[in-house]
Amino acid sequence: MKLFNLVLALTFSAVMAMPAQAQYGPDGLPNVAGITDVIVSDVTSYVAALKAGSEAFRTLGANSAFFCQAVSGGVPGEGYVLSVADNLEASLASVEVQLSDPGFQDFVATLAPYRELTGTRTARVLRPPSGSPSDTWATREFYVRTDDIPGYMAMLEELERAARSNGLQDFSIIVQQEIASGDTSEMLLVTASSSTLAAVGAVGDALMTESWALEIAMAAQAQRQLLRDRFYKCESVYRAS
């Protein structure tokens, strides 16, 4: 196994029973992401339609929404739309809106020519992104498991802090725990985010060559399982004012 893959397997691995750090809504509960998986035939037109009908996300009570397109690790056109609600109640209430609101159904009809639906997921946001929101960004995303939850979270925070102190200023790590999502339930979706794909690549290069990154990786002693690994390009389609 290449050192890069070994470092990732050591560093980005977990399944959590309870959140160690969460993104909280006004009621003190973790934010919840509703995720719709799609295969898109025309990404440019699909994103334009999402933005043109973005008021539909306000109807759902979402705080924000974005689209991510897989650029490595998925089939052509594979991606997802993610919207964030204050809590699980609000997220599930939005499902009722999707099923019954005529305006939202009209919005969905404008998307239909460009995409095939392949699934839905729900996830609690355990570790939110740091820094200011941007319109576009890139990610490397992992489905992961581990038994050492406290050690994992400490290592995660140490890695982000070390990366930023060593010149990777826009690097951020986001963690979501999927629930009621079929065979991904209770797994962690760990997202390493930077401004561009090249910036994500710079983090990967650092993990292979820089002493500060290698030292953090060597601190991970427990065996962990890396289940999936993909690169994405992401773009904001809605943000509540």
Protein backbone atom coordinates (compact mmCIF):
# COMPACT_ATOMS: atom_id res chain seq x y z
CA MET A 1 0.00 0.00 0.00
CA LYS A 2 1.35 3.45 -0.83
CA LEU A 3 2.24 5.68 2.10
CA PHE A 4 -0.50 8.16 1.14
CA ASN A 5 -3.19 5.50 1.42
CA LEU A 6 -1.71 4.28 4.70
CA VAL A 7 -1.73 7.77 6.14
CA LEU A 8 -5.35 8.28 5.10
CA ALA A 9 -6.40 4.93 6.51
CA LEU A 10 -4.80 5.88 9.80
CA THR A 11 -5.98 9.45 9.90
CA PHE A 12 -9.50 9.60 8.49
CA SER A 13 -11.25 6.64 10.15
CA ALA A 14 -14.22 6.39 12.52
CA VAL A 15 -17.67 5.27 13.47
CA MET A 16 -19.21 7.31 16.31
CA ALA A 17 -21.93 6.49 18.77
CA MET A 18 -22.08 10.05 20.15
CA PRO A 19 -20.83 13.33 18.61
CA ALA A 20 -17.64 14.71 20.09
CA GLN A 21 -18.20 18.09 18.44
CA ALA A 22 -21.30 19.15 16.55
CA GLN A 23 -22.69 22.03 14.51
CA TYR A 24 -25.64 23.22 16.56
CA GLY A 25 -28.84 24.96 15.53
CA PRO A 26 -30.73 27.55 17.61
CA ASP A 27 -32.25 24.78 19.77
CA GLY A 28 -28.85 23.35 20.73
CA LEU A 29 -29.26 20.22 18.59
CA PRO A 30 -26.81 19.16 15.86
CA ASN A 31 -27.57 20.40 12.35
CA VAL A 32 -28.79 17.68 9.99
CA ALA A 33 -27.97 17.26 6.30
CA GLY A 34 -30.42 15.82 3.81
CA ILE A 35 -28.52 14.30 0.89
CA THR A 36 -29.94 13.37 -2.53
CA ASP A 37 -27.69 11.21 -4.70
CA VAL A 38 -27.92 11.77 -8.47
CA ILE A 39 -26.41 10.91 -11.82
CA VAL A 40 -26.35 14.11 -13.88
CA SER A 41 -26.29 14.19 -17.68
CA ASP A 42 -25.67 17.95 -18.00
CA VAL A 43 -23.97 19.39 -14.92
CA THR A 44 -23.98 23.01 -16.12
CA SER A 45 -27.73 23.00 -16.83
CA TYR A 46 -28.49 21.08 -13.64
CA VAL A 47 -26.63 23.53 -11.41
CA ALA A 48 -28.25 26.46 -13.23
CA ALA A 49 -31.69 24.93 -12.58
CA LEU A 50 -30.86 24.41 -8.89
CA LYS A 51 -29.84 28.05 -8.55
CA ALA A 52 -32.82 29.36 -10.56
CA GLY A 53 -35.21 27.49 -8.27
CA SER A 54 -33.24 28.04 -5.06
CA GLU A 55 -36.26 29.51 -3.26
CA ALA A 56 -37.46 25.92 -3.06
CA PHE A 57 -34.75 25.33 -0.44
CA ARG A 58 -36.20 28.19 1.59
CA THR A 59 -39.58 26.41 1.39
CA LEU A 60 -37.87 23.36 2.90
CA GLY A 61 -36.50 25.47 5.76
CA ALA A 62 -32.90 24.82 4.71
CA ASN A 63 -30.02 26.99 5.93
CA SER A 64 -27.88 26.22 2.89
CA ALA A 65 -27.60 23.83 -0.03
CA PHE A 66 -24.87 22.79 -2.45
CA PHE A 67 -24.11 20.38 -5.27
CA CYS A 68 -20.99 18.20 -5.42
CA GLN A 69 -19.83 16.34 -8.54
CA ALA A 70 -17.53 13.30 -8.24
CA VAL A 71 -14.37 13.75 -10.31
CA SER A 72 -12.62 10.56 -9.16
CA GLY A 73 -14.03 7.39 -7.65
CA GLY A 74 -17.54 7.63 -9.10
CA VAL A 75 -19.28 6.97 -12.39
CA PRO A 76 -19.58 9.82 -14.96
CA GLY A 77 -22.04 12.45 -13.76
CA GLU A 78 -22.28 11.05 -10.22
CA GLY A 79 -22.90 13.61 -7.48
CA TYR A 80 -25.22 14.73 -4.73
CA VAL A 81 -27.26 17.69 -3.52
CA LEU A 82 -26.95 18.42 0.20
CA SER A 83 -29.20 20.76 2.20
CA VAL A 84 -28.69 21.63 5.87
CA ALA A 85 -31.52 22.01 8.42
CA ASP A 86 -31.42 23.08 12.08
CA ASN A 87 -32.15 19.62 13.47
CA LEU A 88 -33.58 16.19 12.64
CA GLU A 89 -37.18 17.32 13.16
CA ALA A 90 -36.77 20.15 10.66
CA SER A 91 -35.00 17.87 8.19
CA LEU A 92 -37.76 15.26 8.27
CA ALA A 93 -40.46 17.95 8.13
CA SER A 94 -38.90 19.05 4.84
CA VAL A 95 -39.61 15.58 3.46
CA GLU A 96 -43.32 16.21 4.01
CA VAL A 97 -42.97 19.46 2.08
CA GLN A 98 -41.24 17.67 -0.79
CA LEU A 99 -44.09 15.18 -1.01
CA SER A 100 -46.98 17.65 -0.79
CA ASP A 101 -45.96 21.16 -1.86
CA PRO A 102 -46.94 21.89 -5.50
CA GLY A 103 -44.30 24.59 -5.85
CA PHE A 104 -41.55 22.25 -4.75
CA GLN A 105 -42.81 19.56 -7.11
CA ASP A 106 -42.67 22.07 -9.97
CA PHE A 107 -39.05 22.78 -9.01
CA VAL A 108 -38.24 19.06 -9.10
CA ALA A 109 -39.81 18.84 -12.56
CA THR A 110 -37.31 21.44 -13.84
CA LEU A 111 -34.47 19.22 -12.64
CA ALA A 112 -35.77 15.97 -14.09
CA PRO A 113 -34.38 16.42 -17.65
CA TYR A 114 -30.83 16.62 -16.31
CA ARG A 115 -30.59 13.93 -13.64
CA GLU A 116 -31.47 10.46 -12.43
CA LEU A 117 -32.18 9.99 -8.72
CA THR A 118 -30.16 7.16 -7.17
CA GLY A 119 -30.81 7.47 -3.44
CA THR A 120 -31.26 9.61 -0.35
CA ARG A 121 -29.35 9.86 2.93
CA THR A 122 -29.59 11.73 6.24
CA ALA A 123 -26.61 12.77 8.37
CA ARG A 124 -25.90 14.64 11.59
CA VAL A 125 -23.19 17.30 11.24
CA LEU A 126 -20.72 16.36 13.99
CA ARG A 127 -17.85 18.61 12.95
CA PRO A 128 -18.72 21.65 10.81
CA PRO A 129 -16.45 23.37 8.31
CA SER A 130 -14.22 26.10 9.70
CA GLY A 131 -13.65 29.43 8.04
CA SER A 132 -15.96 31.56 5.93
CA PRO A 133 -18.33 29.94 3.42
CA SER A 134 -17.38 30.20 -0.25
CA ASP A 135 -19.19 29.72 -3.56
CA THR A 136 -16.99 26.88 -4.86
CA TRP A 137 -14.61 24.39 -3.25
CA ALA A 138 -13.22 20.86 -3.63
CA THR A 139 -13.16 17.86 -1.31
CA ARG A 140 -11.81 14.42 -0.67
CA GLU A 141 -14.48 12.31 1.05
CA PHE A 142 -14.12 9.09 3.01
CA TYR A 143 -16.52 6.58 4.56
CA VAL A 144 -14.67 5.28 7.61
CA ARG A 145 -14.76 3.20 10.84
CA THR A 146 -12.77 3.00 14.07
CA ASP A 147 -13.22 1.93 17.68
CA ASP A 148 -11.01 4.75 19.04
CA ILE A 149 -13.41 7.68 18.92
CA PRO A 150 -11.63 10.11 21.30
CA GLY A 151 -8.23 9.43 19.75
CA TYR A 152 -9.65 9.91 16.26
CA MET A 153 -11.25 13.25 17.03
CA ALA A 154 -8.11 14.54 18.72
CA MET A 155 -6.02 13.49 15.73
CA LEU A 156 -8.50 15.07 13.32
CA GLU A 157 -8.26 18.43 15.07
CA GLU A 158 -4.48 18.16 15.30
CA LEU A 159 -4.21 17.48 11.57
CA GLU A 160 -6.32 20.49 10.60
CA ARG A 161 -4.41 22.74 13.01
CA ALA A 162 -1.03 21.49 11.76
CA ALA A 163 -2.02 21.87 8.10
CA ARG A 164 -3.10 25.46 8.63
CA SER A 165 0.02 26.34 10.58
CA ASN A 166 2.12 24.91 7.73
CA GLY A 167 0.66 27.05 4.95
CA LEU A 168 -2.53 25.16 4.03
CA GLN A 169 -4.74 27.97 5.27
CA ASP A 170 -8.02 26.98 3.59
CA PHE A 171 -7.90 23.32 4.70
CA SER A 172 -10.93 22.19 6.70
CA ILE A 173 -12.20 18.82 7.95
CA ILE A 174 -15.94 18.15 8.19
CA VAL A 175 -17.49 15.08 9.82
CA GLN A 176 -21.03 13.79 9.38
CA GLN A 177 -22.62 10.69 10.90
CA GLU A 178 -25.20 9.08 8.63
CA ILE A 179 -28.46 7.84 10.14
CA ALA A 180 -31.39 5.96 8.60
CA SER A 181 -29.34 5.69 5.42
CA GLY A 182 -29.26 1.98 4.67
CA ASP A 183 -25.86 0.35 4.56
CA THR A 184 -24.07 3.63 5.39
CA SER A 185 -25.98 4.25 8.65
CA GLU A 186 -23.75 4.99 11.65
CA MET A 187 -20.68 5.34 9.43
CA LEU A 188 -18.82 8.62 9.40
CA LEU A 189 -18.50 10.62 6.23
CA VAL A 190 -15.24 12.54 6.65
CA THR A 191 -14.62 15.41 4.24
CA ALA A 192 -11.24 17.07 3.72
CA SER A 193 -12.05 20.39 2.06
CA SER A 194 -9.97 23.09 0.33
CA SER A 195 -10.61 25.88 -2.15
CA THR A 196 -9.67 23.92 -5.30
CA LEU A 197 -8.83 20.39 -6.42
CA ALA A 198 -5.18 21.46 -6.63
CA ALA A 199 -5.32 22.61 -3.00
CA VAL A 200 -6.80 19.25 -1.99
CA GLY A 201 -3.92 17.65 -3.88
CA ALA A 202 -1.42 19.80 -1.98
CA VAL A 203 -2.76 18.31 1.27
CA GLY A 204 -2.31 14.82 -0.16
CA ASP A 205 1.25 15.64 -1.18
CA ALA A 206 1.99 16.98 2.30
CA LEU A 207 0.71 13.77 3.88
CA MET A 208 3.31 11.88 1.86
CA THR A 209 6.31 14.15 2.36
CA GLU A 210 6.06 16.63 5.23
CA SER A 211 7.39 15.71 8.66
CA TRP A 212 4.52 17.41 10.50
CA ALA A 213 1.99 15.27 8.61
CA LEU A 214 3.92 12.03 8.93
CA GLU A 215 4.30 12.50 12.67
CA ILE A 216 0.55 12.87 13.12
CA ALA A 217 -0.08 9.79 11.00
CA MET A 218 2.41 7.76 13.04
CA ALA A 219 0.43 8.66 16.18
CA ALA A 220 -2.50 6.56 14.94
CA GLN A 221 -1.88 3.12 16.41
CA ALA A 222 -5.27 1.43 16.35
CA GLN A 223 -6.38 -0.42 13.21
CA ARG A 224 -9.03 1.39 11.18
CA GLN A 225 -11.02 0.60 8.08
CA LEU A 226 -11.29 2.94 5.09
CA LEU A 227 -14.47 2.06 3.20
CA ARG A 228 -14.68 4.59 0.36
CA ASP A 229 -12.55 7.40 -1.03
CA ARG A 230 -13.54 10.02 -3.66
CA PHE A 231 -12.70 13.50 -4.96
CA TYR A 232 -15.50 16.05 -5.54
CA LYS A 233 -15.96 19.57 -6.91
CA CYS A 234 -18.67 21.49 -5.04
CA GLU A 235 -20.71 24.63 -5.64
CA SER A 236 -23.16 26.54 -3.45
CA VAL A 237 -26.71 26.73 -4.85
CA TYR A 238 -28.52 28.33 -1.88
CA ARG A 239 -27.65 30.19 1.30
CA ALA A 240 -30.26 31.66 3.63
CA SER A 241 -29.90 35.43 4.01
